[in-house]
């Protein structure tokens, strides 16, 4: 399979699982692709410029920001996008966006 097609298919698969309450783990993503974790990471990175885990983290944070802007509660959004606590979510959010979710 062409690496670009694989990356597109895996990105689409991850998009469908953005709001799964449990964190997707590398073995699950790899199993969905039919490749080993290392091989998938390498192929995805070569096309997209980041690992599947990095892509998924950034997309979840982006969708979380949209929901916060729409007035959703921080704790609800944190749990929806797979964070075990509001503190963990706040740390990741601030690292990516440079501000706390409450400041958004």
PDB file of N, CA and C in Angstrom:
ATOM      1  N   UNK A   1       0.845  -1.184   0.000  1.00  0.00           N
ATOM      2  CA  UNK A   1       0.000   0.000   0.000  1.00  0.00           C
ATOM      3  C   UNK A   1       0.889   1.245   0.000  1.00  0.00           C
ATOM      4  N   UNK A   2       0.484   2.212  -0.764  1.00  0.00           N
ATOM      5  CA  UNK A   2       1.171   3.492  -0.814  1.00  0.00           C
ATOM      6  C   UNK A   2       1.142   4.144   0.570  1.00  0.00           C
ATOM      7  N   UNK A   3       2.267   4.704   1.011  1.00  0.00           N
ATOM      8  CA  UNK A   3       2.359   5.319   2.340  1.00  0.00           C
ATOM      9  C   UNK A   3       1.393   6.487   2.512  1.00  0.00           C
ATOM     10  N   UNK A   4       1.179   7.255   1.455  1.00  0.00           N
ATOM     11  CA  UNK A   4       0.241   8.387   1.546  1.00  0.00           C
ATOM     12  C   UNK A   4      -1.183   7.904   1.767  1.00  0.00           C
ATOM     13  N   UNK A   5      -1.553   6.835   1.081  1.00  0.00           N
ATOM     14  CA  UNK A   5      -2.880   6.262   1.259  1.00  0.00           C
ATOM     15  C   UNK A   5      -3.027   5.687   2.665  1.00  0.00           C
ATOM     16  N   UNK A   6      -1.983   5.015   3.147  1.00  0.00           N
ATOM     17  CA  UNK A   6      -2.003   4.481   4.513  1.00  0.00           C
ATOM     18  C   UNK A   6      -2.186   5.614   5.521  1.00  0.00           C
ATOM     19  N   UNK A   7      -1.423   6.697   5.376  1.00  0.00           N
ATOM     20  CA  UNK A   7      -1.530   7.828   6.303  1.00  0.00           C
ATOM     21  C   UNK A   7      -2.927   8.437   6.259  1.00  0.00           C
ATOM     22  N   UNK A   8      -3.491   8.566   5.077  1.00  0.00           N
ATOM     23  CA  UNK A   8      -4.838   9.106   4.927  1.00  0.00           C
ATOM     24  C   UNK A   8      -5.870   8.196   5.590  1.00  0.00           C
ATOM     25  N   UNK A   9      -5.752   6.903   5.364  1.00  0.00           N
ATOM     26  CA  UNK A   9      -6.680   5.956   5.977  1.00  0.00           C
ATOM     27  C   UNK A   9      -6.558   5.959   7.495  1.00  0.00           C
ATOM     28  N   UNK A  10      -5.336   6.022   8.005  1.00  0.00           N
ATOM     29  CA  UNK A  10      -5.145   6.024   9.458  1.00  0.00           C
ATOM     30  C   UNK A  10      -5.619   7.332  10.074  1.00  0.00           C
ATOM     31  N   UNK A  11      -5.410   8.442   9.385  1.00  0.00           N
ATOM     32  CA  UNK A  11      -5.913   9.723   9.886  1.00  0.00           C
ATOM     33  C   UNK A  11      -7.439   9.688   9.943  1.00  0.00           C
ATOM     34  N   UNK A  12      -8.075   9.140   8.927  1.00  0.00           N
ATOM     35  CA  UNK A  12      -9.536   9.029   8.920  1.00  0.00           C
ATOM     36  C   UNK A  12     -10.007   8.115  10.048  1.00  0.00           C
ATOM     37  N   UNK A  13      -9.306   7.017  10.269  1.00  0.00           N
ATOM     38  CA  UNK A  13      -9.657   6.103  11.361  1.00  0.00           C
ATOM     39  C   UNK A  13      -9.542   6.816  12.709  1.00  0.00           C
ATOM     40  N   UNK A  14      -8.454   7.565  12.900  1.00  0.00           N
ATOM     41  CA  UNK A  14      -8.261   8.289  14.165  1.00  0.00           C
ATOM     42  C   UNK A  14      -9.317   9.372  14.335  1.00  0.00           C
ATOM     43  N   UNK A  15      -9.702  10.028  13.244  1.00  0.00           N
ATOM     44  CA  UNK A  15     -10.753  11.051  13.328  1.00  0.00           C
ATOM     45  C   UNK A  15     -12.061  10.447  13.843  1.00  0.00           C
ATOM     46  N   UNK A  16     -12.370   9.237  13.405  1.00  0.00           N
ATOM     47  CA  UNK A  16     -13.596   8.578  13.868  1.00  0.00           C
ATOM     48  C   UNK A  16     -13.528   8.210  15.347  1.00  0.00           C
ATOM     49  N   UNK A  17     -12.317   8.146  15.903  1.00  0.00           N
ATOM     50  CA  UNK A  17     -12.136   7.750  17.297  1.00  0.00           C
ATOM     51  C   UNK A  17     -11.678   8.896  18.200  1.00  0.00           C
ATOM     52  N   UNK A  18     -11.770  10.128  17.722  1.00  0.00           N
ATOM     53  CA  UNK A  18     -11.313  11.277  18.518  1.00  0.00           C
ATOM     54  C   UNK A  18     -11.997  11.356  19.874  1.00  0.00           C
ATOM     55  N   UNK A  19     -13.284  11.141  19.898  1.00  0.00           N
ATOM     56  CA  UNK A  19     -14.045  11.344  21.129  1.00  0.00           C
ATOM     57  C   UNK A  19     -14.257  10.047  21.907  1.00  0.00           C
ATOM     58  N   UNK A  20     -13.521   8.991  21.576  1.00  0.00           N
ATOM     59  CA  UNK A  20     -13.604   7.787  22.407  1.00  0.00           C
ATOM     60  C   UNK A  20     -13.112   8.168  23.789  1.00  0.00           C
ATOM     61  N   UNK A  21     -13.855   7.775  24.803  1.00  0.00           N
ATOM     62  CA  UNK A  21     -13.508   8.211  26.155  1.00  0.00           C
ATOM     63  C   UNK A  21     -12.194   7.610  26.635  1.00  0.00           C
ATOM     64  N   UNK A  22     -11.815   6.457  26.118  1.00  0.00           N
ATOM     65  CA  UNK A  22     -10.546   5.860  26.514  1.00  0.00           C
ATOM     66  C   UNK A  22      -9.473   6.265  25.518  1.00  0.00           C
ATOM     67  N   UNK A  23      -8.271   6.454  26.025  1.00  0.00           N
ATOM     68  CA  UNK A  23      -7.147   6.827  25.181  1.00  0.00           C
ATOM     69  C   UNK A  23      -6.857   5.679  24.212  1.00  0.00           C
ATOM     70  N   UNK A  24      -6.723   5.981  22.945  1.00  0.00           N
ATOM     71  CA  UNK A  24      -6.300   4.962  21.988  1.00  0.00           C
ATOM     72  C   UNK A  24      -4.826   4.682  22.231  1.00  0.00           C
ATOM     73  N   UNK A  25      -4.479   3.428  22.276  1.00  0.00           N
ATOM     74  CA  UNK A  25      -3.099   3.044  22.504  1.00  0.00           C
ATOM     75  C   UNK A  25      -2.459   2.633  21.185  1.00  0.00           C
ATOM     76  N   UNK A  26      -1.146   2.725  21.140  1.00  0.00           N
ATOM     77  CA  UNK A  26      -0.409   2.407  19.915  1.00  0.00           C
ATOM     78  C   UNK A  26      -0.757   1.027  19.362  1.00  0.00           C
ATOM     79  N   UNK A  27      -0.904  -0.014  20.190  1.00  0.00           N
ATOM     80  CA  UNK A  27      -1.259  -1.321  19.622  1.00  0.00           C
ATOM     81  C   UNK A  27      -2.609  -1.323  18.899  1.00  0.00           C
ATOM     82  N   UNK A  28      -3.568  -0.560  19.400  1.00  0.00           N
ATOM     83  CA  UNK A  28      -4.881  -0.493  18.741  1.00  0.00           C
ATOM     84  C   UNK A  28      -4.781   0.197  17.383  1.00  0.00           C
ATOM     85  N   UNK A  29      -4.034   1.274  17.342  1.00  0.00           N
ATOM     86  CA  UNK A  29      -3.866   2.008  16.084  1.00  0.00           C
ATOM     87  C   UNK A  29      -3.108   1.130  15.089  1.00  0.00           C
ATOM     88  N   UNK A  30      -2.059   0.465  15.559  1.00  0.00           N
ATOM     89  CA  UNK A  30      -1.285  -0.407  14.676  1.00  0.00           C
ATOM     90  C   UNK A  30      -2.138  -1.568  14.167  1.00  0.00           C
ATOM     91  N   UNK A  31      -2.936  -2.148  15.034  1.00  0.00           N
ATOM     92  CA  UNK A  31      -3.792  -3.263  14.625  1.00  0.00           C
ATOM     93  C   UNK A  31      -4.771  -2.827  13.539  1.00  0.00           C
ATOM     94  N   UNK A  32      -5.278  -1.625  13.650  1.00  0.00           N
ATOM     95  CA  UNK A  32      -6.211  -1.113  12.641  1.00  0.00           C
ATOM     96  C   UNK A  32      -5.518  -0.920  11.293  1.00  0.00           C
ATOM     97  N   UNK A  33      -4.215  -0.710  11.314  1.00  0.00           N
ATOM     98  CA  UNK A  33      -3.477  -0.476  10.072  1.00  0.00           C
ATOM     99  C   UNK A  33      -2.968  -1.763   9.438  1.00  0.00           C
ATOM    100  N   UNK A  34      -2.780  -2.793  10.264  1.00  0.00           N
ATOM    101  CA  UNK A  34      -2.204  -4.030   9.751  1.00  0.00           C
ATOM    102  C   UNK A  34      -0.686  -4.042   9.780  1.00  0.00           C
ATOM    103  N   UNK A  35      -0.083  -3.005  10.331  1.00  0.00           N
ATOM    104  CA  UNK A  35       1.368  -2.917  10.448  1.00  0.00           C
ATOM    105  C   UNK A  35       1.774  -2.993  11.914  1.00  0.00           C
ATOM    106  N   UNK A  36       3.050  -3.255  12.155  1.00  0.00           N
ATOM    107  CA  UNK A  36       3.561  -3.202  13.524  1.00  0.00           C
ATOM    108  C   UNK A  36       3.570  -1.748  13.982  1.00  0.00           C
ATOM    109  N   UNK A  37       3.643  -1.539  15.288  1.00  0.00           N
ATOM    110  CA  UNK A  37       3.665  -0.171  15.823  1.00  0.00           C
ATOM    111  C   UNK A  37       4.816   0.632  15.234  1.00  0.00           C
ATOM    112  N   UNK A  38       6.011   0.036  15.221  1.00  0.00           N
ATOM    113  CA  UNK A  38       7.186   0.762  14.727  1.00  0.00           C
ATOM    114  C   UNK A  38       7.070   1.083  13.244  1.00  0.00           C
ATOM    115  N   UNK A  39       6.599   0.125  12.463  1.00  0.00           N
ATOM    116  CA  UNK A  39       6.488   0.344  11.022  1.00  0.00           C
ATOM    117  C   UNK A  39       5.425   1.405  10.707  1.00  0.00           C
ATOM    118  N   UNK A  40       4.290   1.327  11.401  1.00  0.00           N
ATOM    119  CA  UNK A  40       3.251   2.334  11.195  1.00  0.00           C
ATOM    120  C   UNK A  40       3.761   3.721  11.588  1.00  0.00           C
ATOM    121  N   UNK A  41       4.422   3.813  12.736  1.00  0.00           N
ATOM    122  CA  UNK A  41       4.955   5.101  13.190  1.00  0.00           C
ATOM    123  C   UNK A  41       5.887   5.688  12.136  1.00  0.00           C
ATOM    124  N   UNK A  42       6.762   4.852  11.581  1.00  0.00           N
ATOM    125  CA  UNK A  42       7.718   5.307  10.573  1.00  0.00           C
ATOM    126  C   UNK A  42       7.011   5.756   9.295  1.00  0.00           C
ATOM    127  N   UNK A  43       6.079   4.959   8.796  1.00  0.00           N
ATOM    128  CA  UNK A  43       5.374   5.289   7.568  1.00  0.00           C
ATOM    129  C   UNK A  43       4.527   6.557   7.740  1.00  0.00           C
ATOM    130  N   UNK A  44       3.805   6.650   8.854  1.00  0.00           N
ATOM    131  CA  UNK A  44       2.956   7.809   9.118  1.00  0.00           C
ATOM    132  C   UNK A  44       3.811   9.065   9.248  1.00  0.00           C
ATOM    133  N   UNK A  45       4.902   8.970   9.984  1.00  0.00           N
ATOM    134  CA  UNK A  45       5.790  10.120  10.185  1.00  0.00           C
ATOM    135  C   UNK A  45       6.384  10.601   8.860  1.00  0.00           C
ATOM    136  N   UNK A  46       6.759   9.668   7.997  1.00  0.00           N
ATOM    137  CA  UNK A  46       7.359  10.049   6.705  1.00  0.00           C
ATOM    138  C   UNK A  46       6.405  10.859   5.844  1.00  0.00           C
ATOM    139  N   UNK A  47       5.108  10.615   5.982  1.00  0.00           N
ATOM    140  CA  UNK A  47       4.114  11.327   5.175  1.00  0.00           C
ATOM    141  C   UNK A  47       3.599  12.578   5.878  1.00  0.00           C
ATOM    142  N   UNK A  48       3.253  12.436   7.157  1.00  0.00           N
ATOM    143  CA  UNK A  48       2.561  13.513   7.888  1.00  0.00           C
ATOM    144  C   UNK A  48       3.529  14.446   8.614  1.00  0.00           C
ATOM    145  N   UNK A  49       4.682  13.928   9.006  1.00  0.00           N
ATOM    146  CA  UNK A  49       5.648  14.751   9.730  1.00  0.00           C
ATOM    147  C   UNK A  49       5.504  14.672  11.239  1.00  0.00           C
ATOM    148  N   UNK A  50       4.660  13.775  11.704  1.00  0.00           N
ATOM    149  CA  UNK A  50       4.528  13.506  13.136  1.00  0.00           C
ATOM    150  C   UNK A  50       4.022  12.086  13.325  1.00  0.00           C
ATOM    151  N   UNK A  51       4.138  11.593  14.532  1.00  0.00           N
ATOM    152  CA  UNK A  51       3.713  10.230  14.817  1.00  0.00           C
ATOM    153  C   UNK A  51       2.191  10.164  14.905  1.00  0.00           C
ATOM    154  N   UNK A  52       1.618   8.969  14.801  1.00  0.00           N
ATOM    155  CA  UNK A  52       0.175   8.851  14.992  1.00  0.00           C
ATOM    156  C   UNK A  52      -0.271   9.377  16.362  1.00  0.00           C
ATOM    157  N   UNK A  53       0.506   9.105  17.394  1.00  0.00           N
ATOM    158  CA  UNK A  53       0.154   9.587  18.735  1.00  0.00           C
ATOM    159  C   UNK A  53       0.159  11.111  18.795  1.00  0.00           C
ATOM    160  N   UNK A  54       1.145  11.740  18.172  1.00  0.00           N
ATOM    161  CA  UNK A  54       1.198  13.197  18.141  1.00  0.00           C
ATOM    162  C   UNK A  54       0.041  13.787  17.366  1.00  0.00           C
ATOM    163  N   UNK A  55      -0.287  13.175  16.239  1.00  0.00           N
ATOM    164  CA  UNK A  55      -1.421  13.626  15.441  1.00  0.00           C
ATOM    165  C   UNK A  55      -2.705  13.541  16.251  1.00  0.00           C
ATOM    166  N   UNK A  56      -2.920  12.415  16.887  1.00  0.00           N
ATOM    167  CA  UNK A  56      -4.137  12.197  17.662  1.00  0.00           C
ATOM    168  C   UNK A  56      -4.238  13.181  18.829  1.00  0.00           C
ATOM    169  N   UNK A  57      -3.132  13.416  19.517  1.00  0.00           N
ATOM    170  CA  UNK A  57      -3.120  14.351  20.644  1.00  0.00           C
ATOM    171  C   UNK A  57      -3.487  15.764  20.180  1.00  0.00           C
ATOM    172  N   UNK A  58      -2.894  16.214  19.093  1.00  0.00           N
ATOM    173  CA  UNK A  58      -3.169  17.559  18.592  1.00  0.00           C
ATOM    174  C   UNK A  58      -4.611  17.700  18.109  1.00  0.00           C
ATOM    175  N   UNK A  59      -5.129  16.688  17.442  1.00  0.00           N
ATOM    176  CA  UNK A  59      -6.518  16.751  16.975  1.00  0.00           C
ATOM    177  C   UNK A  59      -7.496  16.763  18.138  1.00  0.00           C
ATOM    178  N   UNK A  60      -7.224  15.961  19.159  1.00  0.00           N
ATOM    179  CA  UNK A  60      -8.115  15.946  20.322  1.00  0.00           C
ATOM    180  C   UNK A  60      -8.087  17.298  21.029  1.00  0.00           C
ATOM    181  N   UNK A  61      -6.919  17.881  21.170  1.00  0.00           N
ATOM    182  CA  UNK A  61      -6.835  19.191  21.815  1.00  0.00           C
ATOM    183  C   UNK A  61      -7.534  20.263  20.990  1.00  0.00           C
ATOM    184  N   UNK A  62      -7.431  20.179  19.674  1.00  0.00           N
ATOM    185  CA  UNK A  62      -8.112  21.146  18.813  1.00  0.00           C
ATOM    186  C   UNK A  62      -9.623  21.025  18.951  1.00  0.00           C
ATOM    187  N   UNK A  63     -10.136  19.792  18.937  1.00  0.00           N
ATOM    188  CA  UNK A  63     -11.580  19.588  19.101  1.00  0.00           C
ATOM    189  C   UNK A  63     -12.028  19.999  20.496  1.00  0.00           C
ATOM    190  N   UNK A  64     -11.200  19.744  21.494  1.00  0.00           N
ATOM    191  CA  UNK A  64     -11.520  20.162  22.855  1.00  0.00           C
ATOM    192  C   UNK A  64     -11.634  21.684  22.926  1.00  0.00           C
ATOM    193  N   UNK A  65     -10.728  22.390  22.261  1.00  0.00           N
ATOM    194  CA  UNK A  65     -10.779  23.857  22.245  1.00  0.00           C
ATOM    195  C   UNK A  65     -12.074  24.348  21.604  1.00  0.00           C
ATOM    196  N   UNK A  66     -12.515  23.697  20.549  1.00  0.00           N
ATOM    197  CA  UNK A  66     -13.782  24.084  19.900  1.00  0.00           C
ATOM    198  C   UNK A  66     -14.947  23.936  20.872  1.00  0.00           C
ATOM    199  N   UNK A  67     -14.948  22.844  21.607  1.00  0.00           N
ATOM    200  CA  UNK A  67     -16.038  22.627  22.550  1.00  0.00           C
ATOM    201  C   UNK A  67     -15.989  23.633  23.707  1.00  0.00           C
ATOM    202  N   UNK A  68     -14.780  23.964  24.159  1.00  0.00           N
ATOM    203  CA  UNK A  68     -14.661  24.961  25.224  1.00  0.00           C
ATOM    204  C   UNK A  68     -15.157  26.322  24.746  1.00  0.00           C
ATOM    205  N   UNK A  69     -14.837  26.657  23.518  1.00  0.00           N
ATOM    206  CA  UNK A  69     -15.318  27.927  22.958  1.00  0.00           C
ATOM    207  C   UNK A  69     -16.842  27.944  22.839  1.00  0.00           C
ATOM    208  N   UNK A  70     -17.433  26.769  22.703  1.00  0.00           N
ATOM    209  CA  UNK A  70     -18.892  26.664  22.611  1.00  0.00           C
ATOM    210  C   UNK A  70     -19.549  26.638  23.988  1.00  0.00           C
ATOM    211  N   UNK A  71     -18.729  26.714  25.050  1.00  0.00           N
ATOM    212  CA  UNK A  71     -19.279  26.813  26.395  1.00  0.00           C
ATOM    213  C   UNK A  71     -19.332  25.531  27.201  1.00  0.00           C
ATOM    214  N   UNK A  72     -18.724  24.471  26.704  1.00  0.00           N
ATOM    215  CA  UNK A  72     -18.726  23.209  27.456  1.00  0.00           C
ATOM    216  C   UNK A  72     -17.821  23.324  28.691  1.00  0.00           C
ATOM    217  N   UNK A  73     -18.127  22.531  29.701  1.00  0.00           N
ATOM    218  CA  UNK A  73     -17.339  22.520  30.941  1.00  0.00           C
ATOM    219  C   UNK A  73     -15.986  21.843  30.705  1.00  0.00           C
ATOM    220  N   UNK A  74     -14.960  22.389  31.318  1.00  0.00           N
ATOM    221  CA  UNK A  74     -13.599  21.878  31.136  1.00  0.00           C
ATOM    222  C   UNK A  74     -13.502  20.412  31.538  1.00  0.00           C
ATOM    223  N   UNK A  75     -14.038  20.053  32.671  1.00  0.00           N
ATOM    224  CA  UNK A  75     -13.905  18.681  33.149  1.00  0.00           C
ATOM    225  C   UNK A  75     -14.611  17.704  32.207  1.00  0.00           C
ATOM    226  N   UNK A  76     -15.755  18.081  31.665  1.00  0.00           N
ATOM    227  CA  UNK A  76     -16.472  17.212  30.741  1.00  0.00           C
ATOM    228  C   UNK A  76     -15.680  17.006  29.452  1.00  0.00           C
ATOM    229  N   UNK A  77     -15.116  18.085  28.952  1.00  0.00           N
ATOM    230  CA  UNK A  77     -14.317  18.011  27.729  1.00  0.00           C
ATOM    231  C   UNK A  77     -13.059  17.176  27.972  1.00  0.00           C
ATOM    232  N   UNK A  78     -12.425  17.374  29.100  1.00  0.00           N
ATOM    233  CA  UNK A  78     -11.218  16.610  29.435  1.00  0.00           C
ATOM    234  C   UNK A  78     -11.502  15.113  29.433  1.00  0.00           C
ATOM    235  N   UNK A  79     -12.574  14.714  30.079  1.00  0.00           N
ATOM    236  CA  UNK A  79     -12.923  13.296  30.141  1.00  0.00           C
ATOM    237  C   UNK A  79     -13.342  12.768  28.774  1.00  0.00           C
ATOM    238  N   UNK A  80     -14.052  13.569  28.006  1.00  0.00           N
ATOM    239  CA  UNK A  80     -14.510  13.145  26.679  1.00  0.00           C
ATOM    240  C   UNK A  80     -13.340  12.812  25.770  1.00  0.00           C
ATOM    241  N   UNK A  81     -12.270  13.583  25.873  1.00  0.00           N
ATOM    242  CA  UNK A  81     -11.129  13.384  24.987  1.00  0.00           C
ATOM    243  C   UNK A  81     -10.009  12.557  25.613  1.00  0.00           C
ATOM    244  N   UNK A  82     -10.361  11.768  26.626  1.00  0.00           N
ATOM    245  CA  UNK A  82      -9.450  10.740  27.119  1.00  0.00           C
ATOM    246  C   UNK A  82      -8.471  11.145  28.200  1.00  0.00           C
ATOM    247  N   UNK A  83      -8.634  12.305  28.786  1.00  0.00           N
ATOM    248  CA  UNK A  83      -7.733  12.712  29.866  1.00  0.00           C
ATOM    249  C   UNK A  83      -8.275  12.197  31.190  1.00  0.00           C
ATOM    250  N   UNK A  84      -7.380  11.700  32.035  1.00  0.00           N
ATOM    251  CA  UNK A  84      -7.806  11.086  33.295  1.00  0.00           C
ATOM    252  C   UNK A  84      -8.219  12.109  34.337  1.00  0.00           C
ATOM    253  N   UNK A  85      -7.806  13.352  34.144  1.00  0.00           N
ATOM    254  CA  UNK A  85      -8.187  14.399  35.096  1.00  0.00           C
ATOM    255  C   UNK A  85      -8.143  15.753  34.405  1.00  0.00           C
ATOM    256  N   UNK A  86      -8.779  16.716  35.044  1.00  0.00           N
ATOM    257  CA  UNK A  86      -8.755  18.076  34.519  1.00  0.00           C
ATOM    258  C   UNK A  86      -7.340  18.632  34.562  1.00  0.00           C
ATOM    259  N   UNK A  87      -6.563  18.250  35.578  1.00  0.00           N
ATOM    260  CA  UNK A  87      -5.176  18.727  35.682  1.00  0.00           C
ATOM    261  C   UNK A  87      -4.327  18.249  34.501  1.00  0.00           C
ATOM    262  N   UNK A  88      -4.465  16.964  34.147  1.00  0.00           N
ATOM    263  CA  UNK A  88      -3.711  16.439  33.000  1.00  0.00           C
ATOM    264  C   UNK A  88      -4.113  17.149  31.716  1.00  0.00           C
ATOM    265  N   UNK A  89      -5.395  17.368  31.557  1.00  0.00           N
ATOM    266  CA  UNK A  89      -5.895  18.074  30.382  1.00  0.00           C
ATOM    267  C   UNK A  89      -5.351  19.499  30.338  1.00  0.00           C
ATOM    268  N   UNK A  90      -5.394  20.186  31.464  1.00  0.00           N
ATOM    269  CA  UNK A  90      -4.916  21.572  31.530  1.00  0.00           C
ATOM    270  C   UNK A  90      -3.443  21.656  31.163  1.00  0.00           C
ATOM    271  N   UNK A  91      -2.643  20.708  31.647  1.00  0.00           N
ATOM    272  CA  UNK A  91      -1.212  20.686  31.324  1.00  0.00           C
ATOM    273  C   UNK A  91      -0.994  20.511  29.824  1.00  0.00           C
ATOM    274  N   UNK A  92      -1.691  19.544  29.217  1.00  0.00           N
ATOM    275  CA  UNK A  92      -1.548  19.300  27.781  1.00  0.00           C
ATOM    276  C   UNK A  92      -2.051  20.494  26.974  1.00  0.00           C
ATOM    277  N   UNK A  93      -3.172  21.045  27.388  1.00  0.00           N
ATOM    278  CA  UNK A  93      -3.773  22.175  26.684  1.00  0.00           C
ATOM    279  C   UNK A  93      -2.834  23.377  26.717  1.00  0.00           C
ATOM    280  N   UNK A  94      -2.301  23.675  27.889  1.00  0.00           N
ATOM    281  CA  UNK A  94      -1.405  24.826  28.018  1.00  0.00           C
ATOM    282  C   UNK A  94      -0.118  24.609  27.225  1.00  0.00           C
ATOM    283  N   UNK A  95       0.357  23.378  27.195  1.00  0.00           N
ATOM    284  CA  UNK A  95       1.564  23.072  26.438  1.00  0.00           C
ATOM    285  C   UNK A  95       1.348  23.309  24.937  1.00  0.00           C
ATOM    286  N   UNK A  96       0.162  22.975  24.438  1.00  0.00           N
ATOM    287  CA  UNK A  96      -0.118  23.114  23.004  1.00  0.00           C
ATOM    288  C   UNK A  96      -0.544  24.534  22.615  1.00  0.00           C
ATOM    289  N   UNK A  97      -1.443  25.130  23.402  1.00  0.00           N
ATOM    290  CA  UNK A  97      -2.006  26.437  23.033  1.00  0.00           C
ATOM    291  C   UNK A  97      -1.361  27.626  23.743  1.00  0.00           C
ATOM    292  N   UNK A  98      -0.623  27.371  24.823  1.00  0.00           N
ATOM    293  CA  UNK A  98       0.045  28.466  25.532  1.00  0.00           C
ATOM    294  C   UNK A  98      -0.840  29.190  26.529  1.00  0.00           C
ATOM    295  N   UNK A  99      -2.034  28.683  26.778  1.00  0.00           N
ATOM    296  CA  UNK A  99      -2.913  29.254  27.786  1.00  0.00           C
ATOM    297  C   UNK A  99      -3.751  28.138  28.401  1.00  0.00           C
ATOM    298  N   UNK A 100      -4.271  28.421  29.582  1.00  0.00           N
ATOM    299  CA  UNK A 100      -5.119  27.437  30.264  1.00  0.00           C
ATOM    300  C   UNK A 100      -6.488  27.374  29.589  1.00  0.00           C
ATOM    301  N   UNK A 101      -7.143  26.215  29.689  1.00  0.00           N
ATOM    302  CA  UNK A 101      -8.475  26.106  29.089  1.00  0.00           C
ATOM    303  C   UNK A 101      -9.441  27.168  29.591  1.00  0.00           C
ATOM    304  N   UNK A 102      -9.366  27.535  30.850  1.00  0.00           N
ATOM    305  CA  UNK A 102     -10.248  28.547  31.402  1.00  0.00           C
ATOM    306  C   UNK A 102     -10.020  29.932  30.812  1.00  0.00           C
ATOM    307  N   UNK A 103      -8.813  30.183  30.297  1.00  0.00           N
ATOM    308  CA  UNK A 103      -8.502  31.473  29.688  1.00  0.00           C
ATOM    309  C   UNK A 103      -9.018  31.579  28.253  1.00  0.00           C
ATOM    310  N   UNK A 104      -9.403  30.455  27.697  1.00  0.00           N
ATOM    311  CA  UNK A 104      -9.887  30.443  26.314  1.00  0.00           C
ATOM    312  C   UNK A 104     -11.232  31.142  26.239  1.00  0.00           C
TER     313      UNK A 104
END
